[in-house]
Amino acid sequence: MADSIFKKIQVVGTSPVSFADAAAKAVAKVAETEKKASWFEVVELRGAIADGKVSQYQVTVNIGCKLD
């Protein structure tokens, strides 16, 4: 088996629903242009507060894309 080389792209996904939804949206958006995206790692979780309630979930993810 040949060695694989990956580039890592860092993005922040957001969602009013959940951290999982924010991560899924980030991965889906990168996959639109990076056809060889093959893994992701969650780097950071945070959110926004409005009127004393969670208004947005934010997830920083690194996405690994295999290079030819």
PDB file of N, CA and C in Angstrom:
ATOM      1  N   MET A   1       0.846  -1.184   0.000  1.00  0.00           N
ATOM      2  CA  MET A   1       0.000   0.000   0.000  1.00  0.00           C
ATOM      3  C   MET A   1       0.889   1.244   0.000  1.00  0.00           C
ATOM      4  N   ALA A   2       0.596   2.186  -0.840  1.00  0.00           N
ATOM      5  CA  ALA A   2       1.360   3.425  -0.942  1.00  0.00           C
ATOM      6  C   ALA A   2       1.019   4.364   0.221  1.00  0.00           C
ATOM      7  N   ASP A   3       1.981   5.210   0.574  1.00  0.00           N
ATOM      8  CA  ASP A   3       1.729   6.210   1.605  1.00  0.00           C
ATOM      9  C   ASP A   3       0.715   7.227   1.097  1.00  0.00           C
ATOM     10  N   SER A   4      -0.084   7.749   2.014  1.00  0.00           N
ATOM     11  CA  SER A   4      -1.066   8.779   1.663  1.00  0.00           C
ATOM     12  C   SER A   4      -0.648  10.107   2.266  1.00  0.00           C
ATOM     13  N   ILE A   5      -0.914  11.173   1.539  1.00  0.00           N
ATOM     14  CA  ILE A   5      -0.635  12.527   2.009  1.00  0.00           C
ATOM     15  C   ILE A   5      -1.957  13.291   1.995  1.00  0.00           C
ATOM     16  N   PHE A   6      -2.180  14.072   3.054  1.00  0.00           N
ATOM     17  CA  PHE A   6      -3.419  14.819   3.201  1.00  0.00           C
ATOM     18  C   PHE A   6      -3.123  16.297   3.420  1.00  0.00           C
ATOM     19  N   LYS A   7      -4.023  17.141   2.945  1.00  0.00           N
ATOM     20  CA  LYS A   7      -3.994  18.539   3.357  1.00  0.00           C
ATOM     21  C   LYS A   7      -5.107  18.691   4.382  1.00  0.00           C
ATOM     22  N   LYS A   8      -4.940  19.643   5.275  1.00  0.00           N
ATOM     23  CA  LYS A   8      -5.921  19.859   6.332  1.00  0.00           C
ATOM     24  C   LYS A   8      -6.536  21.235   6.148  1.00  0.00           C
ATOM     25  N   ILE A   9      -7.853  21.272   6.109  1.00  0.00           N
ATOM     26  CA  ILE A   9      -8.597  22.518   5.959  1.00  0.00           C
ATOM     27  C   ILE A   9      -9.343  22.773   7.256  1.00  0.00           C
ATOM     28  N   GLN A  10      -9.223  23.969   7.816  1.00  0.00           N
ATOM     29  CA  GLN A  10      -9.946  24.301   9.044  1.00  0.00           C
ATOM     30  C   GLN A  10     -11.112  25.223   8.710  1.00  0.00           C
ATOM     31  N   VAL A  11     -12.297  24.846   9.162  1.00  0.00           N
ATOM     32  CA  VAL A  11     -13.500  25.644   8.930  1.00  0.00           C
ATOM     33  C   VAL A  11     -14.326  25.688  10.214  1.00  0.00           C
ATOM     34  N   VAL A  12     -15.239  26.640  10.276  1.00  0.00           N
ATOM     35  CA  VAL A  12     -16.167  26.743  11.404  1.00  0.00           C
ATOM     36  C   VAL A  12     -17.578  26.583  10.867  1.00  0.00           C
ATOM     37  N   GLY A  13     -18.269  25.557  11.356  1.00  0.00           N
ATOM     38  CA  GLY A  13     -19.674  25.344  11.002  1.00  0.00           C
ATOM     39  C   GLY A  13     -20.558  25.952  12.069  1.00  0.00           C
ATOM     40  N   THR A  14     -21.715  26.450  11.667  1.00  0.00           N
ATOM     41  CA  THR A  14     -22.648  27.035  12.626  1.00  0.00           C
ATOM     42  C   THR A  14     -24.039  26.449  12.416  1.00  0.00           C
ATOM     43  N   SER A  15     -24.810  26.457  13.499  1.00  0.00           N
ATOM     44  CA  SER A  15     -26.169  25.933  13.443  1.00  0.00           C
ATOM     45  C   SER A  15     -26.975  26.484  14.615  1.00  0.00           C
ATOM     46  N   PRO A  16     -28.257  26.747  14.405  1.00  0.00           N
ATOM     47  CA  PRO A  16     -29.109  27.115  15.524  1.00  0.00           C
ATOM     48  C   PRO A  16     -29.643  25.872  16.258  1.00  0.00           C
ATOM     49  N   VAL A  17     -29.325  24.678  15.743  1.00  0.00           N
ATOM     50  CA  VAL A  17     -29.910  23.427  16.251  1.00  0.00           C
ATOM     51  C   VAL A  17     -29.007  22.698  17.248  1.00  0.00           C
ATOM     52  N   SER A  18     -27.734  22.401  16.844  1.00  0.00           N
ATOM     53  CA  SER A  18     -26.848  21.598  17.700  1.00  0.00           C
ATOM     54  C   SER A  18     -25.410  21.661  17.205  1.00  0.00           C
ATOM     55  N   PHE A  19     -24.492  21.188  18.072  1.00  0.00           N
ATOM     56  CA  PHE A  19     -23.094  21.076  17.670  1.00  0.00           C
ATOM     57  C   PHE A  19     -22.949  20.064  16.532  1.00  0.00           C
ATOM     58  N   ALA A  20     -23.663  18.950  16.633  1.00  0.00           N
ATOM     59  CA  ALA A  20     -23.584  17.916  15.588  1.00  0.00           C
ATOM     60  C   ALA A  20     -24.030  18.461  14.241  1.00  0.00           C
ATOM     61  N   ASP A  21     -25.091  19.241  14.234  1.00  0.00           N
ATOM     62  CA  ASP A  21     -25.585  19.830  12.988  1.00  0.00           C
ATOM     63  C   ASP A  21     -24.566  20.824  12.423  1.00  0.00           C
ATOM     64  N   ALA A  22     -23.937  21.589  13.300  1.00  0.00           N
ATOM     65  CA  ALA A  22     -22.927  22.545  12.852  1.00  0.00           C
ATOM     66  C   ALA A  22     -21.741  21.819  12.210  1.00  0.00           C
ATOM     67  N   ALA A  23     -21.300  20.715  12.818  1.00  0.00           N
ATOM     68  CA  ALA A  23     -20.193  19.935  12.255  1.00  0.00           C
ATOM     69  C   ALA A  23     -20.585  19.327  10.913  1.00  0.00           C
ATOM     70  N   ALA A  24     -21.788  18.783  10.828  1.00  0.00           N
ATOM     71  CA  ALA A  24     -22.257  18.172   9.577  1.00  0.00           C
ATOM     72  C   ALA A  24     -22.331  19.203   8.457  1.00  0.00           C
ATOM     73  N   LYS A  25     -22.775  20.403   8.769  1.00  0.00           N
ATOM     74  CA  LYS A  25     -22.843  21.462   7.756  1.00  0.00           C
ATOM     75  C   LYS A  25     -21.455  21.862   7.276  1.00  0.00           C
ATOM     76  N   ALA A  26     -20.491  21.917   8.192  1.00  0.00           N
ATOM     77  CA  ALA A  26     -19.122  22.264   7.810  1.00  0.00           C
ATOM     78  C   ALA A  26     -18.539  21.213   6.868  1.00  0.00           C
ATOM     79  N   VAL A  27     -18.720  19.942   7.215  1.00  0.00           N
ATOM     80  CA  VAL A  27     -18.210  18.854   6.376  1.00  0.00           C
ATOM     81  C   VAL A  27     -18.883  18.870   5.002  1.00  0.00           C
ATOM     82  N   ALA A  28     -20.186  19.044   4.973  1.00  0.00           N
ATOM     83  CA  ALA A  28     -20.921  19.048   3.707  1.00  0.00           C
ATOM     84  C   ALA A  28     -20.472  20.190   2.802  1.00  0.00           C
ATOM     85  N   LYS A  29     -20.218  21.347   3.378  1.00  0.00           N
ATOM     86  CA  LYS A  29     -19.802  22.498   2.574  1.00  0.00           C
ATOM     87  C   LYS A  29     -18.423  22.270   1.960  1.00  0.00           C
ATOM     88  N   VAL A  30     -17.492  21.747   2.747  1.00  0.00           N
ATOM     89  CA  VAL A  30     -16.152  21.467   2.211  1.00  0.00           C
ATOM     90  C   VAL A  30     -16.224  20.395   1.127  1.00  0.00           C
ATOM     91  N   ALA A  31     -17.064  19.392   1.339  1.00  0.00           N
ATOM     92  CA  ALA A  31     -17.188  18.294   0.364  1.00  0.00           C
ATOM     93  C   ALA A  31     -17.716  18.766  -0.993  1.00  0.00           C
ATOM     94  N   GLU A  32     -18.353  19.936  -1.044  1.00  0.00           N
ATOM     95  CA  GLU A  32     -18.832  20.477  -2.323  1.00  0.00           C
ATOM     96  C   GLU A  32     -17.673  20.774  -3.271  1.00  0.00           C
ATOM     97  N   THR A  33     -16.522  21.167  -2.724  1.00  0.00           N
ATOM     98  CA  THR A  33     -15.385  21.523  -3.577  1.00  0.00           C
ATOM     99  C   THR A  33     -14.199  20.585  -3.432  1.00  0.00           C
ATOM    100  N   GLU A  34     -14.113  19.894  -2.328  1.00  0.00           N
ATOM    101  CA  GLU A  34     -13.002  18.962  -2.080  1.00  0.00           C
ATOM    102  C   GLU A  34     -13.526  17.539  -2.201  1.00  0.00           C
ATOM    103  N   LYS A  35     -13.361  16.958  -3.354  1.00  0.00           N
ATOM    104  CA  LYS A  35     -13.938  15.632  -3.628  1.00  0.00           C
ATOM    105  C   LYS A  35     -13.235  14.500  -2.895  1.00  0.00           C
ATOM    106  N   LYS A  36     -12.033  14.750  -2.373  1.00  0.00           N
ATOM    107  CA  LYS A  36     -11.303  13.687  -1.676  1.00  0.00           C
ATOM    108  C   LYS A  36     -11.247  13.912  -0.170  1.00  0.00           C
ATOM    109  N   ALA A  37     -12.246  14.632   0.372  1.00  0.00           N
ATOM    110  CA  ALA A  37     -12.325  14.786   1.826  1.00  0.00           C
ATOM    111  C   ALA A  37     -12.566  13.410   2.429  1.00  0.00           C
ATOM    112  N   SER A  38     -11.759  13.056   3.454  1.00  0.00           N
ATOM    113  CA  SER A  38     -11.897  11.691   3.967  1.00  0.00           C
ATOM    114  C   SER A  38     -11.989  11.577   5.477  1.00  0.00           C
ATOM    115  N   TRP A  39     -11.708  12.618   6.228  1.00  0.00           N
ATOM    116  CA  TRP A  39     -11.854  12.549   7.678  1.00  0.00           C
ATOM    117  C   TRP A  39     -12.013  13.953   8.246  1.00  0.00           C
ATOM    118  N   PHE A  40     -12.499  14.011   9.486  1.00  0.00           N
ATOM    119  CA  PHE A  40     -12.589  15.305  10.167  1.00  0.00           C
ATOM    120  C   PHE A  40     -12.302  15.119  11.646  1.00  0.00           C
ATOM    121  N   GLU A  41     -11.871  16.200  12.281  1.00  0.00           N
ATOM    122  CA  GLU A  41     -11.667  16.198  13.725  1.00  0.00           C
ATOM    123  C   GLU A  41     -12.234  17.491  14.298  1.00  0.00           C
ATOM    124  N   VAL A  42     -12.939  17.372  15.399  1.00  0.00           N
ATOM    125  CA  VAL A  42     -13.487  18.542  16.073  1.00  0.00           C
ATOM    126  C   VAL A  42     -12.376  19.162  16.912  1.00  0.00           C
ATOM    127  N   VAL A  43     -12.121  20.446  16.687  1.00  0.00           N
ATOM    128  CA  VAL A  43     -11.051  21.155  17.372  1.00  0.00           C
ATOM    129  C   VAL A  43     -11.592  21.986  18.527  1.00  0.00           C
ATOM    130  N   GLU A  44     -12.769  22.576  18.336  1.00  0.00           N
ATOM    131  CA  GLU A  44     -13.300  23.500  19.330  1.00  0.00           C
ATOM    132  C   GLU A  44     -14.821  23.561  19.236  1.00  0.00           C
ATOM    133  N   LEU A  45     -15.453  23.663  20.391  1.00  0.00           N
ATOM    134  CA  LEU A  45     -16.902  23.874  20.476  1.00  0.00           C
ATOM    135  C   LEU A  45     -17.136  25.195  21.185  1.00  0.00           C
ATOM    136  N   ARG A  46     -18.029  25.997  20.664  1.00  0.00           N
ATOM    137  CA  ARG A  46     -18.409  27.246  21.314  1.00  0.00           C
ATOM    138  C   ARG A  46     -19.781  27.643  20.792  1.00  0.00           C
ATOM    139  N   GLY A  47     -20.309  28.720  21.308  1.00  0.00           N
ATOM    140  CA  GLY A  47     -21.622  29.149  20.846  1.00  0.00           C
ATOM    141  C   GLY A  47     -21.866  30.613  21.141  1.00  0.00           C
ATOM    142  N   ALA A  48     -23.001  31.059  20.686  1.00  0.00           N
ATOM    143  CA  ALA A  48     -23.423  32.436  20.908  1.00  0.00           C
ATOM    144  C   ALA A  48     -24.653  32.435  21.806  1.00  0.00           C
ATOM    145  N   ILE A  49     -24.785  33.500  22.573  1.00  0.00           N
ATOM    146  CA  ILE A  49     -25.900  33.644  23.509  1.00  0.00           C
ATOM    147  C   ILE A  49     -26.672  34.899  23.144  1.00  0.00           C
ATOM    148  N   ALA A  50     -27.992  34.792  23.132  1.00  0.00           N
ATOM    149  CA  ALA A  50     -28.863  35.949  22.915  1.00  0.00           C
ATOM    150  C   ALA A  50     -30.032  35.845  23.887  1.00  0.00           C
ATOM    151  N   ASP A  51     -30.292  36.900  24.592  1.00  0.00           N
ATOM    152  CA  ASP A  51     -31.384  36.945  25.565  1.00  0.00           C
ATOM    153  C   ASP A  51     -31.294  35.821  26.586  1.00  0.00           C
ATOM    154  N   GLY A  52     -30.067  35.485  26.999  1.00  0.00           N
ATOM    155  CA  GLY A  52     -29.865  34.479  28.018  1.00  0.00           C
ATOM    156  C   GLY A  52     -30.037  33.047  27.561  1.00  0.00           C
ATOM    157  N   LYS A  53     -30.120  32.836  26.248  1.00  0.00           N
ATOM    158  CA  LYS A  53     -30.306  31.494  25.694  1.00  0.00           C
ATOM    159  C   LYS A  53     -29.284  31.233  24.582  1.00  0.00           C
ATOM    160  N   VAL A  54     -29.018  29.961  24.349  1.00  0.00           N
ATOM    161  CA  VAL A  54     -28.131  29.601  23.249  1.00  0.00           C
ATOM    162  C   VAL A  54     -28.820  29.971  21.937  1.00  0.00           C
ATOM    163  N   SER A  55     -28.132  30.773  21.139  1.00  0.00           N
ATOM    164  CA  SER A  55     -28.713  31.190  19.865  1.00  0.00           C
ATOM    165  C   SER A  55     -28.001  30.553  18.671  1.00  0.00           C
ATOM    166  N   GLN A  56     -26.771  30.083  18.897  1.00  0.00           N
ATOM    167  CA  GLN A  56     -26.027  29.474  17.801  1.00  0.00           C
ATOM    168  C   GLN A  56     -24.942  28.554  18.362  1.00  0.00           C
ATOM    169  N   TYR A  57     -24.808  27.396  17.735  1.00  0.00           N
ATOM    170  CA  TYR A  57     -23.742  26.452  18.052  1.00  0.00           C
ATOM    171  C   TYR A  57     -22.656  26.624  16.999  1.00  0.00           C
ATOM    172  N   GLN A  58     -21.399  26.640  17.427  1.00  0.00           N
ATOM    173  CA  GLN A  58     -20.277  26.828  16.516  1.00  0.00           C
ATOM    174  C   GLN A  58     -19.258  25.715  16.752  1.00  0.00           C
ATOM    175  N   VAL A  59     -18.798  25.091  15.682  1.00  0.00           N
ATOM    176  CA  VAL A  59     -17.849  23.990  15.772  1.00  0.00           C
ATOM    177  C   VAL A  59     -16.696  24.251  14.806  1.00  0.00           C
ATOM    178  N   THR A  60     -15.478  24.283  15.340  1.00  0.00           N
ATOM    179  CA  THR A  60     -14.290  24.375  14.488  1.00  0.00           C
ATOM    180  C   THR A  60     -13.856  22.953  14.180  1.00  0.00           C
ATOM    181  N   VAL A  61     -13.716  22.648  12.895  1.00  0.00           N
ATOM    182  CA  VAL A  61     -13.304  21.309  12.484  1.00  0.00           C
ATOM    183  C   VAL A  61     -12.136  21.394  11.501  1.00  0.00           C
ATOM    184  N   ASN A  62     -11.237  20.436  11.617  1.00  0.00           N
ATOM    185  CA  ASN A  62     -10.196  20.230  10.610  1.00  0.00           C
ATOM    186  C   ASN A  62     -10.675  19.101   9.732  1.00  0.00           C
ATOM    187  N   ILE A  63     -10.589  19.291   8.426  1.00  0.00           N
ATOM    188  CA  ILE A  63     -11.025  18.271   7.478  1.00  0.00           C
ATOM    189  C   ILE A  63      -9.817  17.855   6.651  1.00  0.00           C
ATOM    190  N   GLY A  64      -9.553  16.548   6.640  1.00  0.00           N
ATOM    191  CA  GLY A  64      -8.429  16.012   5.887  1.00  0.00           C
ATOM    192  C   GLY A  64      -8.853  15.612   4.475  1.00  0.00           C
ATOM    193  N   CYS A  65      -8.107  16.115   3.499  1.00  0.00           N
ATOM    194  CA  CYS A  65      -8.396  15.806   2.088  1.00  0.00           C
ATOM    195  C   CYS A  65      -7.174  15.134   1.476  1.00  0.00           C
ATOM    196  N   LYS A  66      -7.387  13.967   0.909  1.00  0.00           N
ATOM    197  CA  LYS A  66      -6.287  13.192   0.339  1.00  0.00           C
ATOM    198  C   LYS A  66      -5.761  13.867  -0.923  1.00  0.00           C
ATOM    199  N   LEU A  67      -4.438  13.961  -1.005  1.00  0.00           N
ATOM    200  CA  LEU A  67      -3.798  14.519  -2.189  1.00  0.00           C
ATOM    201  C   LEU A  67      -3.393  13.386  -3.124  1.00  0.00           C
ATOM    202  N   ASP A  68      -3.463  13.665  -4.421  1.00  0.00           N
ATOM    203  CA  ASP A  68      -3.070  12.658  -5.416  1.00  0.00           C
ATOM    204  C   ASP A  68      -1.581  12.449  -5.421  1.00  0.00           C
TER     205      ASP A  68
END
